Amino acid sequence: MKIARFEFSLFGINTYVVFDPTSKECAIIDPGIISDEERQAMENFVRSNGLHVTQLINTHLHIDHAIGNEWIRSNFSVGVSAHPDDLPLGERMSQQASMFGIPLEIDDVSIDTELKDGDIIKIGNGELKVIHVPGHSQGSIALYDKADGFLISGDALFAGSIGRTDLPGGNHSQLLNSIRRNLMTLPDDTIVYPGHGPATTIGKEKRSNPFLI
């Protein structure tokens, strides 16, 4: 499968489009879309590549990763797929907006398809495996494409860092355990696409991430 990255919104969130170039099916992951310009950029990419959006996936339901959910849902007629342990966050989007000083009416997020550890998400001829990595939030997941050697890590793992754990649902020791047990066991050459910042690899994080060595 192929992957495209967009950096959106005031949070600098990485929104990903994962697509099968043969079937043209795609998933939009963590839509941090907040402006008309960003909506147009996403729509242009989908249309210019002849893609059919079949999935809307949230690695977790903090507001920066889900602020564009309602637009994606209505514009492309797809439901939300996320881990059920993050439903309490989805039901409190307005409170999250207030906490971050966002002066917008934000729709709460419901989960249409519950994702659990080990689930396989089909995108045309490709597959993403769901890996539960609680700690940044209780329902945080990563998405692993074994065939193409990449991982979308959400806010669990970054280049040289890990997710913050001072937000609702955070637990520092739990996050470290999740990363070491569920992500650091992947092949070293696995490319990691995080929720913020540049890509990295599992091997590089094993060698140099100060939180993990």
N, C-alpha and C. Protein backbone atom coordinates (compact mmCIF):
# COMPACT_ATOMS: atom_id res chain seq x y z
N MET A 1 0.83 -1.19 0.00
CA MET A 1 0.00 0.00 0.00
C MET A 1 0.87 1.25 0.00
N LYS A 2 0.28 2.36 -0.37
CA LYS A 2 0.94 3.64 -0.37
C LYS A 2 0.41 4.49 0.77
N ILE A 3 1.22 5.47 1.17
CA ILE A 3 0.81 6.35 2.27
C ILE A 3 1.14 7.79 1.92
N ALA A 4 0.19 8.68 2.20
CA ALA A 4 0.40 10.12 2.00
C ALA A 4 0.18 10.82 3.34
N ARG A 5 1.02 11.83 3.60
CA ARG A 5 0.95 12.56 4.87
C ARG A 5 0.54 14.01 4.63
N PHE A 6 -0.36 14.50 5.47
CA PHE A 6 -0.75 15.91 5.48
C PHE A 6 -0.51 16.44 6.89
N GLU A 7 0.06 17.61 7.00
CA GLU A 7 0.21 18.24 8.31
C GLU A 7 -0.87 19.31 8.43
N PHE A 8 -1.79 19.10 9.39
CA PHE A 8 -2.98 19.92 9.49
C PHE A 8 -3.09 20.61 10.84
N SER A 9 -3.85 21.68 10.86
CA SER A 9 -4.40 22.38 12.02
C SER A 9 -3.35 23.02 12.91
N LEU A 10 -3.85 23.72 13.89
CA LEU A 10 -2.98 24.41 14.84
C LEU A 10 -2.14 23.46 15.66
N PHE A 11 -2.47 22.18 15.67
CA PHE A 11 -1.72 21.19 16.45
C PHE A 11 -0.57 20.59 15.67
N GLY A 12 -0.45 20.88 14.38
CA GLY A 12 0.58 20.24 13.57
C GLY A 12 0.40 18.73 13.51
N ILE A 13 -0.83 18.30 13.38
CA ILE A 13 -1.15 16.88 13.39
C ILE A 13 -0.85 16.25 12.03
N ASN A 14 -0.26 15.07 12.05
CA ASN A 14 -0.07 14.31 10.82
C ASN A 14 -1.34 13.50 10.53
N THR A 15 -2.02 13.84 9.47
CA THR A 15 -3.15 13.07 8.98
C THR A 15 -2.65 12.22 7.81
N TYR A 16 -3.00 10.94 7.81
CA TYR A 16 -2.50 10.03 6.79
C TYR A 16 -3.64 9.50 5.92
N VAL A 17 -3.32 9.32 4.65
CA VAL A 17 -4.19 8.58 3.73
C VAL A 17 -3.42 7.35 3.30
N VAL A 18 -3.93 6.18 3.65
CA VAL A 18 -3.33 4.91 3.25
C VAL A 18 -4.21 4.33 2.15
N PHE A 19 -3.60 4.00 1.01
CA PHE A 19 -4.42 3.55 -0.11
C PHE A 19 -3.77 2.41 -0.89
N ASP A 20 -4.64 1.59 -1.45
CA ASP A 20 -4.24 0.51 -2.34
C ASP A 20 -4.28 1.05 -3.76
N PRO A 21 -3.13 1.18 -4.43
CA PRO A 21 -3.13 1.79 -5.76
C PRO A 21 -3.84 0.97 -6.83
N THR A 22 -4.10 -0.31 -6.54
CA THR A 22 -4.80 -1.15 -7.52
C THR A 22 -6.31 -0.97 -7.43
N SER A 23 -6.86 -1.16 -6.23
CA SER A 23 -8.31 -1.05 -6.05
C SER A 23 -8.77 0.39 -5.86
N LYS A 24 -7.83 1.27 -5.48
CA LYS A 24 -8.12 2.69 -5.20
C LYS A 24 -8.90 2.89 -3.90
N GLU A 25 -9.04 1.85 -3.09
CA GLU A 25 -9.66 2.03 -1.78
C GLU A 25 -8.66 2.71 -0.85
N CYS A 26 -9.16 3.54 0.07
CA CYS A 26 -8.25 4.22 1.00
C CYS A 26 -8.89 4.40 2.36
N ALA A 27 -8.01 4.60 3.35
CA ALA A 27 -8.42 4.95 4.71
C ALA A 27 -7.83 6.31 5.05
N ILE A 28 -8.63 7.16 5.68
CA ILE A 28 -8.13 8.42 6.21
C ILE A 28 -7.95 8.23 7.71
N ILE A 29 -6.75 8.53 8.18
CA ILE A 29 -6.38 8.23 9.57
C ILE A 29 -6.06 9.53 10.30
N ASP A 30 -6.76 9.76 11.41
CA ASP A 30 -6.56 10.92 12.28
C ASP A 30 -6.74 12.25 11.55
N PRO A 31 -7.97 12.56 11.15
CA PRO A 31 -8.19 13.80 10.41
C PRO A 31 -8.16 15.03 11.31
N GLY A 32 -7.01 15.69 11.34
CA GLY A 32 -6.87 16.92 12.12
C GLY A 32 -7.29 18.13 11.30
N ILE A 33 -8.34 17.99 10.54
CA ILE A 33 -8.76 19.00 9.56
C ILE A 33 -9.67 20.01 10.24
N ILE A 34 -9.30 21.31 10.09
CA ILE A 34 -10.08 22.31 10.81
C ILE A 34 -10.51 23.48 9.93
N SER A 35 -9.83 23.69 8.79
CA SER A 35 -10.12 24.87 7.97
C SER A 35 -10.65 24.45 6.59
N ASP A 36 -11.25 25.41 5.91
CA ASP A 36 -11.71 25.14 4.54
C ASP A 36 -10.54 24.78 3.62
N GLU A 37 -9.41 25.41 3.81
CA GLU A 37 -8.23 25.11 3.01
C GLU A 37 -7.79 23.66 3.19
N GLU A 38 -7.83 23.20 4.43
CA GLU A 38 -7.43 21.82 4.71
C GLU A 38 -8.46 20.83 4.15
N ARG A 39 -9.72 21.15 4.26
CA ARG A 39 -10.76 20.29 3.67
C ARG A 39 -10.56 20.18 2.17
N GLN A 40 -10.27 21.31 1.53
CA GLN A 40 -10.07 21.31 0.09
C GLN A 40 -8.85 20.49 -0.30
N ALA A 41 -7.78 20.58 0.48
CA ALA A 41 -6.57 19.81 0.18
C ALA A 41 -6.86 18.31 0.23
N MET A 42 -7.61 17.88 1.24
CA MET A 42 -7.95 16.46 1.34
C MET A 42 -8.85 16.02 0.19
N GLU A 43 -9.85 16.82 -0.10
CA GLU A 43 -10.78 16.46 -1.17
C GLU A 43 -10.05 16.41 -2.52
N ASN A 44 -9.16 17.36 -2.75
CA ASN A 44 -8.41 17.38 -3.99
C ASN A 44 -7.53 16.14 -4.14
N PHE A 45 -6.90 15.73 -3.04
CA PHE A 45 -6.03 14.55 -3.11
C PHE A 45 -6.84 13.30 -3.43
N VAL A 46 -7.95 13.13 -2.73
CA VAL A 46 -8.79 11.95 -2.96
C VAL A 46 -9.29 11.92 -4.40
N ARG A 47 -9.78 13.04 -4.86
CA ARG A 47 -10.37 13.07 -6.22
C ARG A 47 -9.31 12.96 -7.31
N SER A 48 -8.18 13.64 -7.15
CA SER A 48 -7.16 13.62 -8.20
C SER A 48 -6.52 12.26 -8.35
N ASN A 49 -6.55 11.46 -7.28
CA ASN A 49 -5.99 10.11 -7.34
C ASN A 49 -7.05 9.04 -7.58
N GLY A 50 -8.30 9.48 -7.77
CA GLY A 50 -9.37 8.54 -8.05
C GLY A 50 -9.65 7.57 -6.92
N LEU A 51 -9.49 8.03 -5.67
CA LEU A 51 -9.61 7.16 -4.51
C LEU A 51 -11.06 7.07 -4.02
N HIS A 52 -11.35 5.94 -3.39
CA HIS A 52 -12.65 5.71 -2.76
C HIS A 52 -12.41 5.51 -1.27
N VAL A 53 -12.90 6.46 -0.46
CA VAL A 53 -12.68 6.39 0.99
C VAL A 53 -13.61 5.34 1.60
N THR A 54 -13.01 4.30 2.17
CA THR A 54 -13.80 3.22 2.78
C THR A 54 -13.65 3.15 4.30
N GLN A 55 -12.67 3.89 4.85
CA GLN A 55 -12.41 3.82 6.29
C GLN A 55 -12.06 5.20 6.83
N LEU A 56 -12.55 5.50 8.02
CA LEU A 56 -12.09 6.62 8.83
C LEU A 56 -11.61 6.03 10.14
N ILE A 57 -10.31 6.14 10.40
CA ILE A 57 -9.71 5.47 11.56
C ILE A 57 -9.07 6.51 12.46
N ASN A 58 -9.33 6.41 13.75
CA ASN A 58 -8.64 7.24 14.75
C ASN A 58 -7.70 6.37 15.56
N THR A 59 -6.42 6.78 15.63
CA THR A 59 -5.51 6.06 16.52
C THR A 59 -5.87 6.30 17.98
N HIS A 60 -6.51 7.42 18.25
CA HIS A 60 -7.08 7.72 19.56
C HIS A 60 -7.99 8.94 19.39
N LEU A 61 -8.69 9.29 20.46
CA LEU A 61 -9.72 10.31 20.32
C LEU A 61 -9.43 11.59 21.09
N HIS A 62 -8.17 11.95 21.19
CA HIS A 62 -7.87 13.33 21.60
C HIS A 62 -8.27 14.25 20.46
N ILE A 63 -8.64 15.47 20.79
CA ILE A 63 -9.30 16.35 19.84
C ILE A 63 -8.46 16.65 18.61
N ASP A 64 -7.12 16.73 18.77
CA ASP A 64 -6.30 17.07 17.60
C ASP A 64 -6.37 15.99 16.53
N HIS A 65 -6.62 14.75 16.92
CA HIS A 65 -6.68 13.65 15.96
C HIS A 65 -8.09 13.39 15.45
N ALA A 66 -9.07 14.04 16.02
CA ALA A 66 -10.46 13.73 15.65
C ALA A 66 -11.29 14.96 15.32
N ILE A 67 -10.66 16.12 15.27
CA ILE A 67 -11.43 17.35 15.08
C ILE A 67 -12.08 17.40 13.69
N GLY A 68 -11.53 16.66 12.73
CA GLY A 68 -12.11 16.62 11.39
C GLY A 68 -13.00 15.44 11.13
N ASN A 69 -13.30 14.66 12.17
CA ASN A 69 -14.09 13.44 11.97
C ASN A 69 -15.44 13.68 11.31
N GLU A 70 -16.16 14.68 11.81
CA GLU A 70 -17.52 14.87 11.32
C GLU A 70 -17.51 15.26 9.85
N TRP A 71 -16.54 16.06 9.44
CA TRP A 71 -16.48 16.42 8.02
C TRP A 71 -16.14 15.21 7.15
N ILE A 72 -15.20 14.39 7.59
CA ILE A 72 -14.86 13.18 6.82
C ILE A 72 -16.07 12.26 6.76
N ARG A 73 -16.72 12.08 7.90
CA ARG A 73 -17.87 11.17 7.96
C ARG A 73 -18.97 11.61 6.99
N SER A 74 -19.29 12.89 6.99
CA SER A 74 -20.39 13.36 6.15
C SER A 74 -19.98 13.51 4.69
N ASN A 75 -18.74 13.93 4.44
CA ASN A 75 -18.32 14.19 3.07
C ASN A 75 -18.07 12.91 2.28
N PHE A 76 -17.58 11.88 2.98
CA PHE A 76 -17.23 10.63 2.29
C PHE A 76 -18.11 9.45 2.70
N SER A 77 -19.11 9.70 3.54
CA SER A 77 -20.10 8.67 3.94
C SER A 77 -19.42 7.43 4.53
N VAL A 78 -18.58 7.66 5.54
CA VAL A 78 -17.93 6.56 6.25
C VAL A 78 -18.15 6.72 7.75
N GLY A 79 -18.10 5.61 8.46
CA GLY A 79 -18.21 5.64 9.91
C GLY A 79 -16.84 5.72 10.56
N VAL A 80 -16.83 5.91 11.87
CA VAL A 80 -15.60 6.04 12.65
C VAL A 80 -15.19 4.68 13.19
N SER A 81 -13.91 4.35 12.99
CA SER A 81 -13.33 3.14 13.57
C SER A 81 -12.30 3.56 14.61
N ALA A 82 -12.45 3.05 15.84
CA ALA A 82 -11.52 3.40 16.92
C ALA A 82 -11.65 2.36 18.03
N HIS A 83 -10.73 2.41 18.97
CA HIS A 83 -10.78 1.47 20.09
C HIS A 83 -11.84 1.92 21.10
N PRO A 84 -12.66 1.02 21.60
CA PRO A 84 -13.76 1.42 22.49
C PRO A 84 -13.30 2.05 23.79
N ASP A 85 -12.07 1.79 24.23
CA ASP A 85 -11.61 2.38 25.49
C ASP A 85 -11.44 3.90 25.39
N ASP A 86 -11.48 4.43 24.17
CA ASP A 86 -11.39 5.89 24.02
C ASP A 86 -12.75 6.56 23.84
N LEU A 87 -13.82 5.80 23.95
CA LEU A 87 -15.15 6.40 23.81
C LEU A 87 -15.39 7.53 24.80
N PRO A 88 -14.94 7.42 26.07
CA PRO A 88 -15.14 8.56 26.98
C PRO A 88 -14.52 9.85 26.48
N LEU A 89 -13.40 9.76 25.75
CA LEU A 89 -12.81 10.96 25.15
C LEU A 89 -13.68 11.48 24.01
N GLY A 90 -14.19 10.57 23.20
CA GLY A 90 -15.05 10.97 22.09
C GLY A 90 -16.31 11.66 22.55
N GLU A 91 -16.80 11.27 23.71
CA GLU A 91 -18.02 11.85 24.24
C GLU A 91 -17.78 13.19 24.94
N ARG A 92 -16.53 13.61 24.99
CA ARG A 92 -16.18 14.86 25.68
C ARG A 92 -15.38 15.79 24.77
N MET A 93 -15.73 15.83 23.52
CA MET A 93 -14.99 16.68 22.59
C MET A 93 -15.13 18.16 22.93
N SER A 94 -16.31 18.57 23.38
CA SER A 94 -16.50 19.98 23.75
C SER A 94 -15.61 20.36 24.93
N GLN A 95 -15.51 19.46 25.91
CA GLN A 95 -14.64 19.73 27.05
C GLN A 95 -13.18 19.79 26.61
N GLN A 96 -12.80 18.91 25.68
CA GLN A 96 -11.43 18.95 25.18
C GLN A 96 -11.15 20.26 24.45
N ALA A 97 -12.13 20.72 23.66
CA ALA A 97 -11.97 22.00 22.96
C ALA A 97 -11.76 23.14 23.95
N SER A 98 -12.54 23.15 25.02
CA SER A 98 -12.40 24.20 26.03
C SER A 98 -11.03 24.13 26.69
N MET A 99 -10.56 22.92 26.97
CA MET A 99 -9.27 22.75 27.62
C MET A 99 -8.13 23.33 26.79
N PHE A 100 -8.24 23.22 25.46
CA PHE A 100 -7.19 23.73 24.58
C PHE A 100 -7.50 25.13 24.04
N GLY A 101 -8.58 25.75 24.54
CA GLY A 101 -8.91 27.11 24.13
C GLY A 101 -9.36 27.23 22.70
N ILE A 102 -10.04 26.18 22.18
CA ILE A 102 -10.52 26.20 20.79
C ILE A 102 -11.94 26.76 20.79
N PRO A 103 -12.16 27.92 20.19
CA PRO A 103 -13.48 28.56 20.25
C PRO A 103 -14.42 28.06 19.15
N LEU A 104 -14.60 26.76 19.08
CA LEU A 104 -15.44 26.17 18.04
C LEU A 104 -16.42 25.19 18.66
N GLU A 105 -17.55 25.02 17.99
CA GLU A 105 -18.49 23.97 18.38
C GLU A 105 -18.01 22.66 17.76
N ILE A 106 -17.60 21.73 18.59
CA ILE A 106 -17.05 20.46 18.11
C ILE A 106 -18.03 19.34 18.42
N ASP A 107 -18.40 18.58 17.40
CA ASP A 107 -19.30 17.46 17.61
C ASP A 107 -18.62 16.35 18.38
N ASP A 108 -19.36 15.73 19.30
CA ASP A 108 -18.84 14.55 19.97
C ASP A 108 -18.65 13.43 18.94
N VAL A 109 -17.75 12.51 19.27
CA VAL A 109 -17.42 11.41 18.36
C VAL A 109 -17.98 10.11 18.92
N SER A 110 -18.78 9.45 18.12
CA SER A 110 -19.22 8.10 18.45
C SER A 110 -18.40 7.11 17.62
N ILE A 111 -18.35 5.88 18.06
CA ILE A 111 -17.57 4.85 17.36
C ILE A 111 -18.52 3.90 16.66
N ASP A 112 -18.39 3.82 15.34
CA ASP A 112 -19.24 2.92 14.56
C ASP A 112 -18.67 1.51 14.48
N THR A 113 -17.35 1.41 14.40
CA THR A 113 -16.68 0.11 14.35
C THR A 113 -15.62 0.07 15.43
N GLU A 114 -15.76 -0.84 16.38
CA GLU A 114 -14.80 -0.95 17.46
C GLU A 114 -13.60 -1.78 17.01
N LEU A 115 -12.42 -1.23 17.23
CA LEU A 115 -11.18 -1.90 16.86
C LEU A 115 -10.51 -2.45 18.11
N LYS A 116 -10.07 -3.70 18.04
CA LYS A 116 -9.40 -4.35 19.15
C LYS A 116 -8.02 -4.84 18.71
N ASP A 117 -7.17 -5.09 19.69
CA ASP A 117 -5.82 -5.58 19.41
C ASP A 117 -5.88 -6.84 18.54
N GLY A 118 -5.10 -6.86 17.47
CA GLY A 118 -5.05 -8.01 16.58
C GLY A 118 -6.02 -7.96 15.43
N ASP A 119 -6.96 -7.02 15.43
CA ASP A 119 -7.89 -6.90 14.30
C ASP A 119 -7.12 -6.58 13.02
N ILE A 120 -7.66 -7.06 11.90
CA ILE A 120 -7.10 -6.78 10.59
C ILE A 120 -8.07 -5.89 9.82
N ILE A 121 -7.57 -4.75 9.37
CA ILE A 121 -8.36 -3.81 8.59
C ILE A 121 -7.99 -3.98 7.13
N LYS A 122 -8.96 -4.29 6.31
CA LYS A 122 -8.72 -4.50 4.88
C LYS A 122 -8.90 -3.17 4.13
N ILE A 123 -7.92 -2.85 3.32
CA ILE A 123 -8.00 -1.69 2.43
C ILE A 123 -7.65 -2.19 1.04
N GLY A 124 -8.66 -2.52 0.24
CA GLY A 124 -8.41 -3.15 -1.04
C GLY A 124 -7.66 -4.45 -0.84
N ASN A 125 -6.51 -4.58 -1.48
CA ASN A 125 -5.68 -5.78 -1.34
C ASN A 125 -4.70 -5.69 -0.18
N GLY A 126 -4.71 -4.58 0.55
CA GLY A 126 -3.78 -4.40 1.64
C GLY A 126 -4.42 -4.61 3.00
N GLU A 127 -3.57 -4.69 4.02
CA GLU A 127 -4.04 -4.94 5.38
C GLU A 127 -3.27 -4.07 6.38
N LEU A 128 -4.00 -3.57 7.35
CA LEU A 128 -3.40 -2.93 8.52
C LEU A 128 -3.78 -3.75 9.75
N LYS A 129 -2.80 -4.09 10.55
CA LYS A 129 -3.06 -4.81 11.80
C LYS A 129 -3.16 -3.82 12.95
N VAL A 130 -4.18 -3.96 13.77
CA VAL A 130 -4.38 -3.09 14.93
C VAL A 130 -3.52 -3.58 16.08
N ILE A 131 -2.72 -2.67 16.64
CA ILE A 131 -1.90 -2.96 17.82
C ILE A 131 -2.33 -2.00 18.92
N HIS A 132 -2.83 -2.54 20.02
CA HIS A 132 -3.27 -1.72 21.15
C HIS A 132 -2.04 -1.26 21.94
N VAL A 133 -1.89 0.05 22.09
CA VAL A 133 -0.74 0.62 22.81
C VAL A 133 -1.23 1.65 23.84
N PRO A 134 -1.95 1.20 24.87
CA PRO A 134 -2.47 2.16 25.85
C PRO A 134 -1.36 2.85 26.62
N GLY A 135 -1.67 4.06 27.06
CA GLY A 135 -0.71 4.83 27.86
C GLY A 135 -0.81 6.31 27.57
N HIS A 136 -0.81 6.68 26.28
CA HIS A 136 -1.10 8.08 25.92
C HIS A 136 -2.59 8.33 26.15
N SER A 137 -3.40 7.40 25.73
CA SER A 137 -4.81 7.30 26.12
C SER A 137 -5.08 5.82 26.29
N GLN A 138 -6.21 5.49 26.91
CA GLN A 138 -6.47 4.07 27.16
C GLN A 138 -6.83 3.30 25.90
N GLY A 139 -7.33 4.00 24.88
CA GLY A 139 -7.70 3.33 23.65
C GLY A 139 -6.73 3.56 22.51
N SER A 140 -5.53 4.03 22.80
CA SER A 140 -4.56 4.30 21.73
C SER A 140 -4.20 3.02 20.98
N ILE A 141 -4.17 3.14 19.65
CA ILE A 141 -3.76 2.02 18.81
C ILE A 141 -2.70 2.50 17.81
N ALA A 142 -1.92 1.54 17.32
CA ALA A 142 -1.04 1.74 16.18
C ALA A 142 -1.52 0.82 15.07
N LEU A 143 -1.15 1.15 13.84
CA LEU A 143 -1.61 0.41 12.66
C LEU A 143 -0.40 -0.05 11.88
N TYR A 144 -0.27 -1.37 11.72
CA TYR A 144 0.94 -1.98 11.16
C TYR A 144 0.66 -2.63 9.82
N ASP A 145 1.40 -2.20 8.82
CA ASP A 145 1.36 -2.81 7.49
C ASP A 145 2.60 -3.67 7.36
N LYS A 146 2.47 -4.95 7.64
CA LYS A 146 3.62 -5.86 7.60
C LYS A 146 4.19 -5.99 6.20
N ALA A 147 3.31 -6.09 5.21
CA ALA A 147 3.76 -6.30 3.83
C ALA A 147 4.60 -5.16 3.32
N ASP A 148 4.25 -3.94 3.68
CA ASP A 148 4.96 -2.77 3.18
C ASP A 148 5.90 -2.16 4.20
N GLY A 149 5.95 -2.75 5.39
CA GLY A 149 6.96 -2.38 6.37
C GLY A 149 6.81 -1.02 7.00
N PHE A 150 5.56 -0.62 7.31
CA PHE A 150 5.39 0.65 8.00
C PHE A 150 4.38 0.55 9.12
N LEU A 151 4.51 1.47 10.06
CA LEU A 151 3.66 1.55 11.25
C LEU A 151 3.19 2.98 11.42
N ILE A 152 1.88 3.16 11.59
CA ILE A 152 1.32 4.46 11.98
C ILE A 152 1.13 4.40 13.49
N SER A 153 1.91 5.20 14.21
CA SER A 153 2.02 5.02 15.66
C SER A 153 1.14 5.95 16.49
N GLY A 154 0.38 6.83 15.82
CA GLY A 154 -0.42 7.76 16.60
C GLY A 154 0.46 8.61 17.49
N ASP A 155 0.04 8.83 18.74
CA ASP A 155 0.86 9.60 19.68
C ASP A 155 1.55 8.72 20.70
N ALA A 156 1.71 7.43 20.37
CA ALA A 156 2.45 6.55 21.28
C ALA A 156 3.95 6.78 21.15
N LEU A 157 4.45 6.74 19.92
CA LEU A 157 5.89 6.78 19.66
C LEU A 157 6.20 7.85 18.63
N PHE A 158 7.20 8.69 18.95
CA PHE A 158 7.68 9.73 18.04
C PHE A 158 9.16 9.52 17.75
N ALA A 159 9.67 10.28 16.80
CA ALA A 159 11.11 10.29 16.56
C ALA A 159 11.80 10.92 17.77
N GLY A 160 12.50 10.10 18.53
CA GLY A 160 13.23 10.59 19.69
C GLY A 160 12.40 10.88 20.91
N SER A 161 11.13 10.49 20.92
CA SER A 161 10.28 10.80 22.06
C SER A 161 9.12 9.81 22.14
N ILE A 162 8.26 10.03 23.12
CA ILE A 162 7.04 9.23 23.28
C ILE A 162 5.90 10.20 23.58
N GLY A 163 4.68 9.68 23.58
CA GLY A 163 3.52 10.52 23.83
C GLY A 163 3.46 11.06 25.25
N ARG A 164 2.86 12.22 25.38
CA ARG A 164 2.65 12.79 26.71
C ARG A 164 1.61 11.97 27.46
N THR A 165 1.70 11.98 28.77
CA THR A 165 0.79 11.17 29.57
C THR A 165 0.07 11.99 30.64
N ASP A 166 0.06 13.32 30.45
CA ASP A 166 -0.60 14.19 31.41
C ASP A 166 -2.01 14.59 30.97
N LEU A 167 -2.48 14.01 29.86
CA LEU A 167 -3.84 14.26 29.39
C LEU A 167 -4.76 13.15 29.90
N PRO A 168 -6.09 13.35 29.84
CA PRO A 168 -7.00 12.30 30.32
C PRO A 168 -6.72 10.96 29.66
N GLY A 169 -6.63 9.92 30.49
CA GLY A 169 -6.36 8.58 30.00
C GLY A 169 -4.89 8.22 29.94
N GLY A 170 -4.02 9.16 30.32
CA GLY A 170 -2.59 8.91 30.22
C GLY A 170 -2.03 8.15 31.41
N ASN A 171 -0.99 7.33 31.14
CA ASN A 171 -0.30 6.58 32.18
C ASN A 171 1.11 6.30 31.68
N HIS A 172 2.10 6.93 32.30
CA HIS A 172 3.47 6.88 31.78
C HIS A 172 4.06 5.47 31.75
N SER A 173 3.99 4.77 32.86
CA SER A 173 4.57 3.43 32.90
C SER A 173 3.84 2.48 31.95
N GLN A 174 2.54 2.63 31.85
CA GLN A 174 1.76 1.81 30.92
C GLN A 174 2.19 2.06 29.47
N LEU A 175 2.42 3.33 29.12
CA LEU A 175 2.85 3.66 27.76
C LEU A 175 4.21 3.05 27.46
N LEU A 176 5.15 3.18 28.36
CA LEU A 176 6.47 2.59 28.14
C LEU A 176 6.38 1.09 27.95
N ASN A 177 5.59 0.43 28.79
CA ASN A 177 5.40 -1.02 28.66
C ASN A 177 4.77 -1.38 27.32
N SER A 178 3.78 -0.59 26.90
CA SER A 178 3.11 -0.85 25.62
C SER A 178 4.09 -0.75 24.45
N ILE A 179 4.89 0.31 24.46
CA ILE A 179 5.85 0.52 23.37
C ILE A 179 6.87 -0.61 23.33
N ARG A 180 7.44 -0.93 24.47
CA ARG A 180 8.48 -1.96 24.51
C ARG A 180 7.94 -3.33 24.13
N ARG A 181 6.76 -3.65 24.60
CA ARG A 181 6.19 -4.98 24.36
C ARG A 181 5.59 -5.11 22.96
N ASN A 182 4.95 -4.05 22.47
CA ASN A 182 4.15 -4.20 21.26
C ASN A 182 4.73 -3.54 20.01
N LEU A 183 5.62 -2.55 20.19
CA LEU A 183 6.19 -1.86 19.03
C LEU A 183 7.66 -2.16 18.82
N MET A 184 8.44 -2.19 19.89
CA MET A 184 9.88 -2.44 19.74
C MET A 184 10.19 -3.87 19.31
N THR A 185 9.20 -4.72 19.30
CA THR A 185 9.38 -6.10 18.83
C THR A 185 9.16 -6.24 17.32
N LEU A 186 8.78 -5.15 16.65
CA LEU A 186 8.64 -5.17 15.20
C LEU A 186 10.03 -5.11 14.55
N PRO A 187 10.15 -5.47 13.27
CA PRO A 187 11.45 -5.43 12.60
C PRO A 187 12.08 -4.04 12.65
N ASP A 188 13.41 -4.01 12.78
CA ASP A 188 14.12 -2.75 12.92
C ASP A 188 13.91 -1.80 11.74
N ASP A 189 13.71 -2.36 10.55
CA ASP A 189 13.57 -1.49 9.37
C ASP A 189 12.14 -0.99 9.16
N THR A 190 11.25 -1.28 10.09
CA THR A 190 9.88 -0.77 10.00
C THR A 190 9.88 0.75 10.08
N ILE A 191 9.30 1.40 9.07
CA ILE A 191 9.18 2.86 9.09
C ILE A 191 8.04 3.25 10.01
N VAL A 192 8.29 4.19 10.89
CA VAL A 192 7.29 4.67 11.85
C VAL A 192 6.80 6.05 11.42
N TYR A 193 5.49 6.14 11.18
CA TYR A 193 4.85 7.42 10.86
C TYR A 193 4.06 7.87 12.08
N PRO A 194 4.57 8.86 12.83
CA PRO A 194 3.91 9.26 14.08
C PRO A 194 2.82 10.30 13.87
N GLY A 195 2.11 10.59 14.96
CA GLY A 195 1.02 11.55 14.91
C GLY A 195 1.49 12.99 14.77
N HIS A 196 2.73 13.26 15.13
CA HIS A 196 3.33 14.59 14.99
C HIS A 196 4.81 14.40 14.63
N GLY A 197 5.32 15.30 13.83
CA GLY A 197 6.74 15.27 13.54
C GLY A 197 7.15 14.30 12.44
N PRO A 198 8.47 14.14 12.25
CA PRO A 198 8.99 13.35 11.13
C PRO A 198 8.90 11.85 11.37
N ALA A 199 9.05 11.13 10.28
CA ALA A 199 9.09 9.66 10.35
C ALA A 199 10.41 9.20 10.95
N THR A 200 10.41 7.97 11.43
CA THR A 200 11.61 7.36 11.98
C THR A 200 11.55 5.87 11.68
N THR A 201 12.37 5.07 12.34
CA THR A 201 12.29 3.61 12.21
C THR A 201 12.33 2.99 13.60
N ILE A 202 11.86 1.77 13.68
CA ILE A 202 11.91 1.05 14.95
C ILE A 202 13.35 0.89 15.40
N GLY A 203 14.25 0.54 14.47
CA GLY A 203 15.65 0.35 14.84
C GLY A 203 16.29 1.61 15.41
N LYS A 204 16.01 2.74 14.79
CA LYS A 204 16.57 4.00 15.28
C LYS A 204 16.07 4.31 16.67
N GLU A 205 14.78 4.08 16.93
CA GLU A 205 14.24 4.37 18.26
C GLU A 205 14.80 3.41 19.30
N LYS A 206 15.06 2.17 18.93
CA LYS A 206 15.69 1.23 19.85
C LYS A 206 17.08 1.73 20.27
N ARG A 207 17.81 2.30 19.31
CA ARG A 207 19.19 2.71 19.57
C ARG A 207 19.30 4.05 20.27
N SER A 208 18.36 4.97 20.00
CA SER A 208 18.63 6.35 20.43
C SER A 208 17.49 7.06 21.15
N ASN A 209 16.31 6.47 21.23
CA ASN A 209 15.22 7.16 21.93
C ASN A 209 15.51 7.20 23.42
N PRO A 210 15.68 8.39 24.00
CA PRO A 210 16.11 8.47 25.41
C PRO A 210 15.10 7.91 26.39
N PHE A 211 13.85 7.78 26.00
CA PHE A 211 12.83 7.23 26.88
C PHE A 211 12.85 5.70 26.89
N LEU A 212 13.54 5.10 25.94
CA LEU A 212 13.47 3.64 25.75
C LEU A 212 14.80 2.92 25.96
N ILE A 213 15.89 3.69 26.16
CA ILE A 213 17.19 3.04 26.34
C ILE A 213 17.68 3.22 27.76
